[in-house]
Amino acid sequence: MQARLDAGREKLFAAAIEVLSTQGYAGLSVASVAAAAGVSSGSVYSHFEGKADLVVAIFREVCSREVDAVVTVAGRGSTAERVTAVVQTFAGRALKNRTMAYALLAEPVDAAVDAERLVFRRKFTDAFVDAIAAGIASGEIPDQDAAISAAGLVGAVGEVLVGPLSSHNPQDPVPGLVALSLRALGVRDEHA
C-alpha cells in the first residue's frame, strides 16, 4: 500500500516539475498537475494540501539538487577556481531551464514558497562562505567578512540572472558574473 502511495506522489512530483519547467509558477495549479499526471485533482489533494504545499515540496526537491551540485564543486581548488565553479554551476544550471529557474528565483509566489527561497539562499550562501573563508585563510583574497561577501554574491548572481531568465535573452551572463564575483572578493586581476 505504501509503495503505491509513494509511486503516486512521485508521479505527481514529476508532473509538477514538468509544468513548472514549461509554464512557471503562474501556470502551475492542482488541475494542471493532475492533467499532466493523468489523474484527477482529488488525487493531488490526497498527497498535498494545495498548490502552495505542492510547490514548497517541489521547491525543496529541486533546490536541494541545485545546492548539492554547487556544494560538490565548491570544495576543490584555489579560491578563484572554487568561486568560478560555484558561479558557473549555479548560473549555468539556471540558464539550462530558464522557466524553472525564474520560478524558483524571482517569479511572484505564495508566502510559504517565498520563505523556502530564503532557506535555500542561505544554503547557497554557505557554499560561498566556505570558499571565501578558505581564500582569506590562505591569503589568496583580502580579509573580509566571509558571510557578508557570500550573501552579496548570492544576491548579485540571482539578480543578474533575473533578466536573462525572464526574457530568454540568449546573451550568456556567466563570464561577466564570474569576473564580478572574483573582483568583488579581491581576487587578483589575472584570475578575474
N, C-alpha and C. Protein backbone atom coordinates (compact mmCIF):
# COMPACT_ATOMS: atom_id res chain seq x y z
N MET A 1 0.82 -1.19 0.00
CA MET A 1 0.00 0.00 0.00
C MET A 1 0.87 1.26 0.00
N GLN A 2 1.90 1.30 0.89
CA GLN A 2 2.77 2.47 0.97
C GLN A 2 3.53 2.67 -0.34
N ALA A 3 3.96 1.58 -0.96
CA ALA A 3 4.69 1.68 -2.22
C ALA A 3 3.82 2.33 -3.29
N ARG A 4 2.54 1.99 -3.30
CA ARG A 4 1.62 2.58 -4.27
C ARG A 4 1.43 4.08 -4.01
N LEU A 5 1.32 4.45 -2.73
CA LEU A 5 1.19 5.87 -2.37
C LEU A 5 2.44 6.64 -2.76
N ASP A 6 3.60 6.05 -2.48
CA ASP A 6 4.86 6.70 -2.84
C ASP A 6 4.98 6.87 -4.36
N ALA A 7 4.58 5.85 -5.10
CA ALA A 7 4.64 5.93 -6.57
C ALA A 7 3.70 7.02 -7.08
N GLY A 8 2.54 7.13 -6.48
CA GLY A 8 1.59 8.18 -6.86
C GLY A 8 2.15 9.56 -6.59
N ARG A 9 2.78 9.71 -5.45
CA ARG A 9 3.39 11.01 -5.10
C ARG A 9 4.53 11.35 -6.05
N GLU A 10 5.36 10.37 -6.38
CA GLU A 10 6.46 10.60 -7.32
C GLU A 10 5.95 10.98 -8.70
N LYS A 11 4.87 10.35 -9.13
CA LYS A 11 4.26 10.68 -10.42
C LYS A 11 3.78 12.13 -10.42
N LEU A 12 3.18 12.55 -9.33
CA LEU A 12 2.71 13.94 -9.20
C LEU A 12 3.90 14.90 -9.15
N PHE A 13 4.96 14.52 -8.46
CA PHE A 13 6.17 15.35 -8.41
C PHE A 13 6.71 15.57 -9.81
N ALA A 14 6.85 14.48 -10.56
CA ALA A 14 7.39 14.58 -11.92
C ALA A 14 6.50 15.46 -12.79
N ALA A 15 5.20 15.30 -12.66
CA ALA A 15 4.27 16.12 -13.44
C ALA A 15 4.36 17.59 -13.04
N ALA A 16 4.45 17.85 -11.75
CA ALA A 16 4.54 19.23 -11.27
C ALA A 16 5.84 19.88 -11.72
N ILE A 17 6.93 19.15 -11.69
CA ILE A 17 8.21 19.69 -12.15
C ILE A 17 8.13 20.01 -13.63
N GLU A 18 7.49 19.16 -14.40
CA GLU A 18 7.32 19.41 -15.84
C GLU A 18 6.48 20.67 -16.08
N VAL A 19 5.39 20.82 -15.35
CA VAL A 19 4.55 22.01 -15.50
C VAL A 19 5.33 23.26 -15.10
N LEU A 20 6.02 23.19 -13.98
CA LEU A 20 6.81 24.34 -13.52
C LEU A 20 7.91 24.68 -14.52
N SER A 21 8.50 23.66 -15.13
CA SER A 21 9.58 23.87 -16.11
C SER A 21 9.09 24.52 -17.40
N THR A 22 7.85 24.28 -17.75
CA THR A 22 7.33 24.81 -19.01
C THR A 22 6.44 26.03 -18.85
N GLN A 23 5.75 26.13 -17.71
CA GLN A 23 4.78 27.21 -17.54
C GLN A 23 5.07 28.14 -16.38
N GLY A 24 6.06 27.79 -15.57
CA GLY A 24 6.37 28.61 -14.41
C GLY A 24 5.33 28.46 -13.32
N TYR A 25 5.53 29.25 -12.27
CA TYR A 25 4.63 29.19 -11.12
C TYR A 25 3.21 29.60 -11.50
N ALA A 26 3.09 30.61 -12.35
CA ALA A 26 1.77 31.10 -12.74
C ALA A 26 0.94 30.02 -13.43
N GLY A 27 1.60 29.13 -14.17
CA GLY A 27 0.88 28.08 -14.88
C GLY A 27 0.66 26.82 -14.08
N LEU A 28 1.24 26.77 -12.90
CA LEU A 28 1.11 25.58 -12.07
C LEU A 28 -0.14 25.68 -11.21
N SER A 29 -0.97 24.70 -11.33
CA SER A 29 -2.17 24.60 -10.50
C SER A 29 -2.40 23.13 -10.20
N VAL A 30 -3.26 22.88 -9.25
CA VAL A 30 -3.60 21.49 -8.95
C VAL A 30 -4.16 20.83 -10.20
N ALA A 31 -5.00 21.55 -10.93
CA ALA A 31 -5.61 21.00 -12.15
C ALA A 31 -4.56 20.72 -13.23
N SER A 32 -3.58 21.63 -13.41
CA SER A 32 -2.57 21.41 -14.44
C SER A 32 -1.65 20.24 -14.09
N VAL A 33 -1.35 20.10 -12.82
CA VAL A 33 -0.53 18.97 -12.38
C VAL A 33 -1.29 17.66 -12.54
N ALA A 34 -2.55 17.67 -12.15
CA ALA A 34 -3.38 16.47 -12.30
C ALA A 34 -3.46 16.06 -13.77
N ALA A 35 -3.69 17.03 -14.65
CA ALA A 35 -3.77 16.74 -16.08
C ALA A 35 -2.45 16.17 -16.60
N ALA A 36 -1.34 16.77 -16.21
CA ALA A 36 -0.03 16.29 -16.66
C ALA A 36 0.26 14.89 -16.14
N ALA A 37 -0.24 14.57 -14.96
CA ALA A 37 -0.01 13.24 -14.37
C ALA A 37 -1.05 12.23 -14.83
N GLY A 38 -2.11 12.70 -15.48
CA GLY A 38 -3.17 11.81 -15.93
C GLY A 38 -4.03 11.28 -14.79
N VAL A 39 -4.21 12.12 -13.76
CA VAL A 39 -5.03 11.73 -12.61
C VAL A 39 -6.05 12.83 -12.34
N SER A 40 -6.93 12.58 -11.40
CA SER A 40 -7.92 13.59 -11.02
C SER A 40 -7.30 14.59 -10.05
N SER A 41 -7.91 15.76 -9.96
CA SER A 41 -7.44 16.76 -8.99
C SER A 41 -7.50 16.22 -7.57
N GLY A 42 -8.50 15.40 -7.30
CA GLY A 42 -8.62 14.79 -5.98
C GLY A 42 -7.40 13.97 -5.61
N SER A 43 -6.78 13.34 -6.60
CA SER A 43 -5.56 12.57 -6.34
C SER A 43 -4.43 13.47 -5.86
N VAL A 44 -4.36 14.66 -6.42
CA VAL A 44 -3.33 15.61 -5.99
C VAL A 44 -3.57 15.99 -4.54
N TYR A 45 -4.83 16.27 -4.22
CA TYR A 45 -5.17 16.66 -2.85
C TYR A 45 -4.97 15.54 -1.84
N SER A 46 -4.91 14.31 -2.30
CA SER A 46 -4.65 13.21 -1.36
C SER A 46 -3.18 13.18 -0.93
N HIS A 47 -2.32 13.89 -1.68
CA HIS A 47 -0.89 13.94 -1.36
C HIS A 47 -0.43 15.30 -0.87
N PHE A 48 -1.11 16.36 -1.31
CA PHE A 48 -0.72 17.73 -0.99
C PHE A 48 -1.96 18.52 -0.60
N GLU A 49 -1.81 19.46 0.33
CA GLU A 49 -2.94 20.26 0.79
C GLU A 49 -3.44 21.22 -0.29
N GLY A 50 -2.58 21.62 -1.18
CA GLY A 50 -2.95 22.56 -2.23
C GLY A 50 -1.72 22.97 -3.01
N LYS A 51 -1.88 24.00 -3.84
CA LYS A 51 -0.81 24.46 -4.71
C LYS A 51 0.44 24.86 -3.92
N ALA A 52 0.27 25.64 -2.86
CA ALA A 52 1.43 26.11 -2.10
C ALA A 52 2.20 24.93 -1.50
N ASP A 53 1.50 23.97 -0.93
CA ASP A 53 2.14 22.79 -0.34
C ASP A 53 2.89 22.00 -1.42
N LEU A 54 2.27 21.85 -2.57
CA LEU A 54 2.89 21.14 -3.69
C LEU A 54 4.15 21.87 -4.14
N VAL A 55 4.06 23.19 -4.31
CA VAL A 55 5.21 23.95 -4.80
C VAL A 55 6.33 23.98 -3.77
N VAL A 56 6.00 24.08 -2.50
CA VAL A 56 7.04 24.04 -1.46
C VAL A 56 7.79 22.71 -1.54
N ALA A 57 7.06 21.62 -1.69
CA ALA A 57 7.70 20.30 -1.79
C ALA A 57 8.60 20.21 -3.03
N ILE A 58 8.10 20.73 -4.15
CA ILE A 58 8.90 20.72 -5.38
C ILE A 58 10.12 21.62 -5.21
N PHE A 59 9.90 22.80 -4.65
CA PHE A 59 10.98 23.75 -4.44
C PHE A 59 12.09 23.11 -3.61
N ARG A 60 11.71 22.44 -2.54
CA ARG A 60 12.71 21.78 -1.69
C ARG A 60 13.49 20.73 -2.47
N GLU A 61 12.78 19.94 -3.24
CA GLU A 61 13.41 18.87 -4.01
C GLU A 61 14.38 19.43 -5.05
N VAL A 62 13.89 20.35 -5.86
CA VAL A 62 14.71 20.89 -6.95
C VAL A 62 15.87 21.70 -6.39
N CYS A 63 15.62 22.54 -5.41
CA CYS A 63 16.70 23.36 -4.84
C CYS A 63 17.73 22.50 -4.11
N SER A 64 17.30 21.42 -3.50
CA SER A 64 18.26 20.52 -2.86
C SER A 64 19.24 19.96 -3.88
N ARG A 65 18.73 19.61 -5.05
CA ARG A 65 19.61 19.13 -6.13
C ARG A 65 20.59 20.22 -6.55
N GLU A 66 20.08 21.44 -6.67
CA GLU A 66 20.94 22.55 -7.09
C GLU A 66 22.01 22.85 -6.04
N VAL A 67 21.60 22.86 -4.78
CA VAL A 67 22.56 23.09 -3.69
C VAL A 67 23.62 21.99 -3.70
N ASP A 68 23.20 20.74 -3.86
CA ASP A 68 24.15 19.63 -3.90
C ASP A 68 25.16 19.80 -5.03
N ALA A 69 24.69 20.24 -6.20
CA ALA A 69 25.60 20.45 -7.34
C ALA A 69 26.61 21.54 -7.02
N VAL A 70 26.15 22.62 -6.40
CA VAL A 70 27.04 23.73 -6.05
C VAL A 70 28.03 23.32 -4.97
N VAL A 71 27.56 22.63 -3.95
CA VAL A 71 28.44 22.20 -2.85
C VAL A 71 29.52 21.25 -3.38
N THR A 72 29.16 20.41 -4.31
CA THR A 72 30.11 19.46 -4.88
C THR A 72 31.29 20.18 -5.53
N VAL A 73 31.03 21.27 -6.24
CA VAL A 73 32.12 21.96 -6.93
C VAL A 73 32.81 23.01 -6.06
N ALA A 74 32.20 23.37 -4.94
CA ALA A 74 32.73 24.45 -4.10
C ALA A 74 33.93 24.03 -3.26
N GLY A 75 34.20 22.76 -3.17
CA GLY A 75 35.23 22.30 -2.25
C GLY A 75 36.59 22.02 -2.85
N ARG A 76 36.78 22.31 -4.12
CA ARG A 76 38.04 21.94 -4.77
C ARG A 76 38.72 23.15 -5.41
N GLY A 77 40.04 23.22 -5.26
CA GLY A 77 40.83 24.21 -5.97
C GLY A 77 41.11 25.46 -5.17
N SER A 78 41.70 26.43 -5.87
CA SER A 78 42.00 27.73 -5.27
C SER A 78 40.70 28.49 -5.05
N THR A 79 40.79 29.61 -4.37
CA THR A 79 39.59 30.42 -4.16
C THR A 79 38.99 30.84 -5.50
N ALA A 80 39.82 31.29 -6.41
CA ALA A 80 39.32 31.70 -7.73
C ALA A 80 38.64 30.54 -8.44
N GLU A 81 39.23 29.36 -8.37
CA GLU A 81 38.64 28.19 -9.02
C GLU A 81 37.33 27.79 -8.36
N ARG A 82 37.29 27.86 -7.03
CA ARG A 82 36.09 27.46 -6.31
C ARG A 82 34.93 28.42 -6.57
N VAL A 83 35.22 29.72 -6.49
CA VAL A 83 34.17 30.71 -6.73
C VAL A 83 33.70 30.63 -8.18
N THR A 84 34.63 30.49 -9.10
CA THR A 84 34.27 30.34 -10.51
C THR A 84 33.37 29.12 -10.70
N ALA A 85 33.74 28.01 -10.09
CA ALA A 85 32.94 26.79 -10.23
C ALA A 85 31.54 26.97 -9.65
N VAL A 86 31.43 27.64 -8.51
CA VAL A 86 30.11 27.86 -7.90
C VAL A 86 29.25 28.72 -8.81
N VAL A 87 29.79 29.82 -9.29
CA VAL A 87 29.01 30.73 -10.15
C VAL A 87 28.64 30.02 -11.46
N GLN A 88 29.61 29.36 -12.08
CA GLN A 88 29.32 28.67 -13.34
C GLN A 88 28.28 27.57 -13.16
N THR A 89 28.37 26.84 -12.07
CA THR A 89 27.42 25.75 -11.82
C THR A 89 26.03 26.31 -11.56
N PHE A 90 25.93 27.26 -10.64
CA PHE A 90 24.62 27.83 -10.29
C PHE A 90 23.98 28.50 -11.50
N ALA A 91 24.70 29.41 -12.13
CA ALA A 91 24.14 30.16 -13.26
C ALA A 91 23.94 29.27 -14.48
N GLY A 92 24.90 28.40 -14.74
CA GLY A 92 24.79 27.52 -15.90
C GLY A 92 23.59 26.60 -15.81
N ARG A 93 23.36 26.04 -14.65
CA ARG A 93 22.20 25.16 -14.47
C ARG A 93 20.90 25.96 -14.59
N ALA A 94 20.89 27.18 -14.06
CA ALA A 94 19.69 28.02 -14.16
C ALA A 94 19.38 28.32 -15.62
N LEU A 95 20.39 28.63 -16.40
CA LEU A 95 20.18 29.00 -17.80
C LEU A 95 19.75 27.82 -18.66
N LYS A 96 19.98 26.61 -18.20
CA LYS A 96 19.54 25.42 -18.95
C LYS A 96 18.04 25.20 -18.84
N ASN A 97 17.43 25.68 -17.76
CA ASN A 97 15.98 25.58 -17.60
C ASN A 97 15.48 26.92 -17.07
N ARG A 98 15.41 27.88 -17.98
CA ARG A 98 15.13 29.26 -17.61
C ARG A 98 13.77 29.44 -16.95
N THR A 99 12.76 28.79 -17.45
CA THR A 99 11.42 28.96 -16.88
C THR A 99 11.39 28.44 -15.44
N MET A 100 11.96 27.28 -15.22
CA MET A 100 12.01 26.71 -13.87
C MET A 100 12.85 27.61 -12.96
N ALA A 101 14.01 28.02 -13.43
CA ALA A 101 14.89 28.84 -12.60
C ALA A 101 14.23 30.17 -12.25
N TYR A 102 13.55 30.78 -13.21
CA TYR A 102 12.85 32.04 -12.93
C TYR A 102 11.77 31.82 -11.87
N ALA A 103 11.05 30.72 -11.98
CA ALA A 103 10.02 30.41 -10.98
C ALA A 103 10.65 30.23 -9.60
N LEU A 104 11.80 29.61 -9.54
CA LEU A 104 12.45 29.36 -8.25
C LEU A 104 13.13 30.60 -7.69
N LEU A 105 13.65 31.46 -8.55
CA LEU A 105 14.41 32.63 -8.09
C LEU A 105 13.59 33.89 -7.91
N ALA A 106 12.66 34.16 -8.83
CA ALA A 106 12.12 35.52 -8.86
C ALA A 106 10.63 35.65 -9.12
N GLU A 107 10.01 34.66 -9.68
CA GLU A 107 8.59 34.80 -10.02
C GLU A 107 7.77 35.03 -8.75
N PRO A 108 6.78 35.93 -8.80
CA PRO A 108 5.93 36.12 -7.62
C PRO A 108 5.28 34.79 -7.21
N VAL A 109 5.37 34.49 -5.92
CA VAL A 109 4.89 33.21 -5.39
C VAL A 109 4.16 33.43 -4.07
N ASP A 110 3.57 32.36 -3.55
CA ASP A 110 2.93 32.40 -2.23
C ASP A 110 3.98 32.62 -1.15
N ALA A 111 3.53 33.12 -0.01
CA ALA A 111 4.43 33.41 1.11
C ALA A 111 5.20 32.17 1.57
N ALA A 112 4.57 31.02 1.57
CA ALA A 112 5.24 29.79 2.02
C ALA A 112 6.41 29.44 1.10
N VAL A 113 6.23 29.66 -0.19
CA VAL A 113 7.29 29.38 -1.15
C VAL A 113 8.40 30.43 -1.01
N ASP A 114 8.01 31.67 -0.80
CA ASP A 114 8.99 32.73 -0.61
C ASP A 114 9.87 32.46 0.62
N ALA A 115 9.28 31.92 1.66
CA ALA A 115 10.04 31.56 2.86
C ALA A 115 11.07 30.47 2.53
N GLU A 116 10.70 29.53 1.67
CA GLU A 116 11.64 28.49 1.26
C GLU A 116 12.79 29.07 0.45
N ARG A 117 12.51 30.09 -0.34
CA ARG A 117 13.59 30.75 -1.09
C ARG A 117 14.68 31.23 -0.15
N LEU A 118 14.28 31.81 0.96
CA LEU A 118 15.25 32.32 1.93
C LEU A 118 16.10 31.20 2.51
N VAL A 119 15.47 30.07 2.80
CA VAL A 119 16.21 28.91 3.33
C VAL A 119 17.29 28.48 2.34
N PHE A 120 16.93 28.39 1.08
CA PHE A 120 17.89 27.91 0.10
C PHE A 120 18.92 28.98 -0.27
N ARG A 121 18.56 30.25 -0.20
CA ARG A 121 19.57 31.29 -0.40
C ARG A 121 20.66 31.16 0.66
N ARG A 122 20.25 30.85 1.89
CA ARG A 122 21.24 30.66 2.95
C ARG A 122 22.15 29.47 2.64
N LYS A 123 21.59 28.41 2.08
CA LYS A 123 22.40 27.24 1.74
C LYS A 123 23.38 27.56 0.62
N PHE A 124 22.93 28.32 -0.38
CA PHE A 124 23.85 28.73 -1.44
C PHE A 124 24.92 29.66 -0.87
N THR A 125 24.52 30.53 0.04
CA THR A 125 25.47 31.44 0.69
C THR A 125 26.53 30.64 1.43
N ASP A 126 26.13 29.59 2.12
CA ASP A 126 27.09 28.75 2.85
C ASP A 126 28.14 28.15 1.93
N ALA A 127 27.75 27.79 0.70
CA ALA A 127 28.72 27.24 -0.25
C ALA A 127 29.79 28.27 -0.58
N PHE A 128 29.38 29.53 -0.73
CA PHE A 128 30.35 30.60 -0.97
C PHE A 128 31.19 30.89 0.28
N VAL A 129 30.56 30.87 1.45
CA VAL A 129 31.28 31.20 2.69
C VAL A 129 32.51 30.32 2.85
N ASP A 130 32.36 29.03 2.64
CA ASP A 130 33.49 28.12 2.80
C ASP A 130 34.64 28.46 1.85
N ALA A 131 34.31 28.74 0.60
CA ALA A 131 35.35 29.07 -0.38
C ALA A 131 36.01 30.40 -0.03
N ILE A 132 35.22 31.38 0.38
CA ILE A 132 35.76 32.69 0.73
C ILE A 132 36.63 32.59 1.99
N ALA A 133 36.15 31.88 3.00
CA ALA A 133 36.92 31.73 4.25
C ALA A 133 38.26 31.04 3.98
N ALA A 134 38.25 30.03 3.12
CA ALA A 134 39.50 29.34 2.77
C ALA A 134 40.46 30.30 2.06
N GLY A 135 39.91 31.15 1.20
CA GLY A 135 40.74 32.12 0.49
C GLY A 135 41.33 33.17 1.41
N ILE A 136 40.58 33.58 2.41
CA ILE A 136 41.08 34.53 3.40
C ILE A 136 42.21 33.88 4.20
N ALA A 137 41.96 32.65 4.66
CA ALA A 137 42.94 31.93 5.47
C ALA A 137 44.25 31.69 4.72
N SER A 138 44.15 31.44 3.41
CA SER A 138 45.36 31.15 2.63
C SER A 138 46.03 32.42 2.11
N GLY A 139 45.39 33.56 2.29
CA GLY A 139 45.96 34.82 1.81
C GLY A 139 45.67 35.10 0.34
N GLU A 140 44.83 34.27 -0.28
CA GLU A 140 44.50 34.48 -1.70
C GLU A 140 43.64 35.71 -1.91
N ILE A 141 42.82 36.04 -0.92
CA ILE A 141 41.97 37.23 -1.01
C ILE A 141 42.10 38.04 0.27
N PRO A 142 41.81 39.33 0.20
CA PRO A 142 41.93 40.18 1.39
C PRO A 142 40.98 39.75 2.51
N ASP A 143 41.34 40.13 3.72
CA ASP A 143 40.48 39.87 4.87
C ASP A 143 39.13 40.56 4.66
N GLN A 144 38.06 39.86 4.96
CA GLN A 144 36.71 40.38 4.81
C GLN A 144 35.76 39.50 5.59
N ASP A 145 34.55 39.96 5.77
CA ASP A 145 33.54 39.15 6.43
C ASP A 145 33.00 38.17 5.38
N ALA A 146 33.37 36.92 5.51
CA ALA A 146 33.01 35.91 4.50
C ALA A 146 31.50 35.78 4.34
N ALA A 147 30.77 35.88 5.43
CA ALA A 147 29.31 35.73 5.36
C ALA A 147 28.67 36.88 4.58
N ILE A 148 29.14 38.10 4.83
CA ILE A 148 28.60 39.26 4.11
C ILE A 148 28.96 39.17 2.63
N SER A 149 30.21 38.85 2.34
CA SER A 149 30.63 38.73 0.94
C SER A 149 29.84 37.64 0.22
N ALA A 150 29.66 36.51 0.89
CA ALA A 150 28.91 35.41 0.28
C ALA A 150 27.47 35.79 0.02
N ALA A 151 26.82 36.42 0.98
CA ALA A 151 25.42 36.85 0.79
C ALA A 151 25.33 37.85 -0.36
N GLY A 152 26.30 38.76 -0.44
CA GLY A 152 26.31 39.72 -1.54
C GLY A 152 26.45 39.05 -2.89
N LEU A 153 27.30 38.04 -2.97
CA LEU A 153 27.47 37.32 -4.24
C LEU A 153 26.21 36.56 -4.62
N VAL A 154 25.59 35.90 -3.66
CA VAL A 154 24.35 35.17 -3.97
C VAL A 154 23.29 36.15 -4.48
N GLY A 155 23.18 37.29 -3.81
CA GLY A 155 22.21 38.30 -4.25
C GLY A 155 22.53 38.84 -5.63
N ALA A 156 23.80 39.13 -5.88
CA ALA A 156 24.20 39.68 -7.17
C ALA A 156 23.98 38.67 -8.30
N VAL A 157 24.39 37.44 -8.08
CA VAL A 157 24.22 36.41 -9.11
C VAL A 157 22.74 36.21 -9.42
N GLY A 158 21.93 36.08 -8.38
CA GLY A 158 20.49 35.91 -8.59
C GLY A 158 19.86 37.08 -9.31
N GLU A 159 20.24 38.29 -8.92
CA GLU A 159 19.66 39.49 -9.54
C GLU A 159 20.07 39.61 -11.01
N VAL A 160 21.33 39.34 -11.31
CA VAL A 160 21.78 39.41 -12.70
C VAL A 160 21.07 38.37 -13.55
N LEU A 161 20.78 37.22 -12.99
CA LEU A 161 20.11 36.16 -13.76
C LEU A 161 18.65 36.45 -14.05
N VAL A 162 18.00 37.27 -13.25
CA VAL A 162 16.56 37.53 -13.43
C VAL A 162 16.26 38.00 -14.85
N GLY A 163 17.03 38.94 -15.37
CA GLY A 163 16.78 39.45 -16.72
C GLY A 163 16.86 38.36 -17.78
N PRO A 164 17.99 37.67 -17.90
CA PRO A 164 18.08 36.61 -18.90
C PRO A 164 17.06 35.48 -18.70
N LEU A 165 16.73 35.18 -17.46
CA LEU A 165 15.77 34.10 -17.22
C LEU A 165 14.36 34.50 -17.62
N SER A 166 13.99 35.75 -17.37
CA SER A 166 12.62 36.18 -17.64
C SER A 166 12.40 36.54 -19.10
N SER A 167 13.45 36.93 -19.80
CA SER A 167 13.29 37.37 -21.18
C SER A 167 13.79 36.36 -22.20
N HIS A 168 14.39 35.31 -21.73
CA HIS A 168 15.01 34.31 -22.60
C HIS A 168 16.04 34.95 -23.52
N ASN A 169 16.71 35.98 -23.00
CA ASN A 169 17.79 36.65 -23.70
C ASN A 169 18.90 35.64 -23.94
N PRO A 170 19.35 35.49 -25.19
CA PRO A 170 20.37 34.48 -25.47
C PRO A 170 21.78 34.85 -24.97
N GLN A 171 21.97 36.08 -24.55
CA GLN A 171 23.29 36.50 -24.07
C GLN A 171 23.68 35.69 -22.83
N ASP A 172 24.93 35.25 -22.79
CA ASP A 172 25.42 34.45 -21.67
C ASP A 172 26.02 35.37 -20.61
N PRO A 173 25.36 35.51 -19.45
CA PRO A 173 25.89 36.39 -18.41
C PRO A 173 26.96 35.75 -17.54
N VAL A 174 27.24 34.47 -17.73
CA VAL A 174 28.12 33.75 -16.81
C VAL A 174 29.54 34.32 -16.76
N PRO A 175 30.20 34.58 -17.89
CA PRO A 175 31.56 35.14 -17.78
C PRO A 175 31.59 36.46 -17.01
N GLY A 176 30.63 37.31 -17.24
CA GLY A 176 30.57 38.58 -16.50
C GLY A 176 30.30 38.37 -15.03
N LEU A 177 29.45 37.40 -14.70
CA LEU A 177 29.17 37.09 -13.29
C LEU A 177 30.41 36.55 -12.59
N VAL A 178 31.16 35.72 -13.28
CA VAL A 178 32.40 35.18 -12.70
C VAL A 178 33.37 36.33 -12.43
N ALA A 179 33.57 37.20 -13.43
CA ALA A 179 34.50 38.32 -13.26
C ALA A 179 34.05 39.24 -12.12
N LEU A 180 32.77 39.56 -12.07
CA LEU A 180 32.23 40.40 -10.99
C LEU A 180 32.48 39.76 -9.63
N SER A 181 32.21 38.48 -9.52
CA SER A 181 32.37 37.78 -8.25
C SER A 181 33.82 37.78 -7.79
N LEU A 182 34.73 37.49 -8.69
CA LEU A 182 36.14 37.45 -8.33
C LEU A 182 36.66 38.83 -7.95
N ARG A 183 36.27 39.84 -8.70
CA ARG A 183 36.71 41.20 -8.37
C ARG A 183 36.12 41.67 -7.05
N ALA A 184 34.87 41.33 -6.80
CA ALA A 184 34.23 41.74 -5.55
C ALA A 184 34.95 41.16 -4.34
N LEU A 185 35.52 39.98 -4.50
CA LEU A 185 36.23 39.34 -3.40
C LEU A 185 37.68 39.80 -3.28
N GLY A 186 38.17 40.50 -4.29
CA GLY A 186 39.55 40.97 -4.26
C GLY A 186 40.54 40.00 -4.86
N VAL A 187 40.05 39.08 -5.69
CA VAL A 187 40.96 38.16 -6.38
C VAL A 187 41.76 38.98 -7.38
N ARG A 188 43.05 38.72 -7.46
CA ARG A 188 43.91 39.48 -8.37
C ARG A 188 43.42 39.36 -9.80
N ASP A 189 43.62 40.42 -10.58
CA ASP A 189 43.06 40.53 -11.92
C ASP A 189 43.44 39.41 -12.89
N GLU A 190 44.58 38.77 -12.70
CA GLU A 190 44.93 37.70 -13.65
C GLU A 190 43.94 36.54 -13.57
N HIS A 191 43.20 36.44 -12.44
CA HIS A 191 42.18 35.40 -12.31
C HIS A 191 40.80 35.91 -12.71
N ALA A 192 40.58 37.21 -12.57
CA ALA A 192 39.27 37.79 -12.88
C ALA A 192 39.26 38.15 -14.31
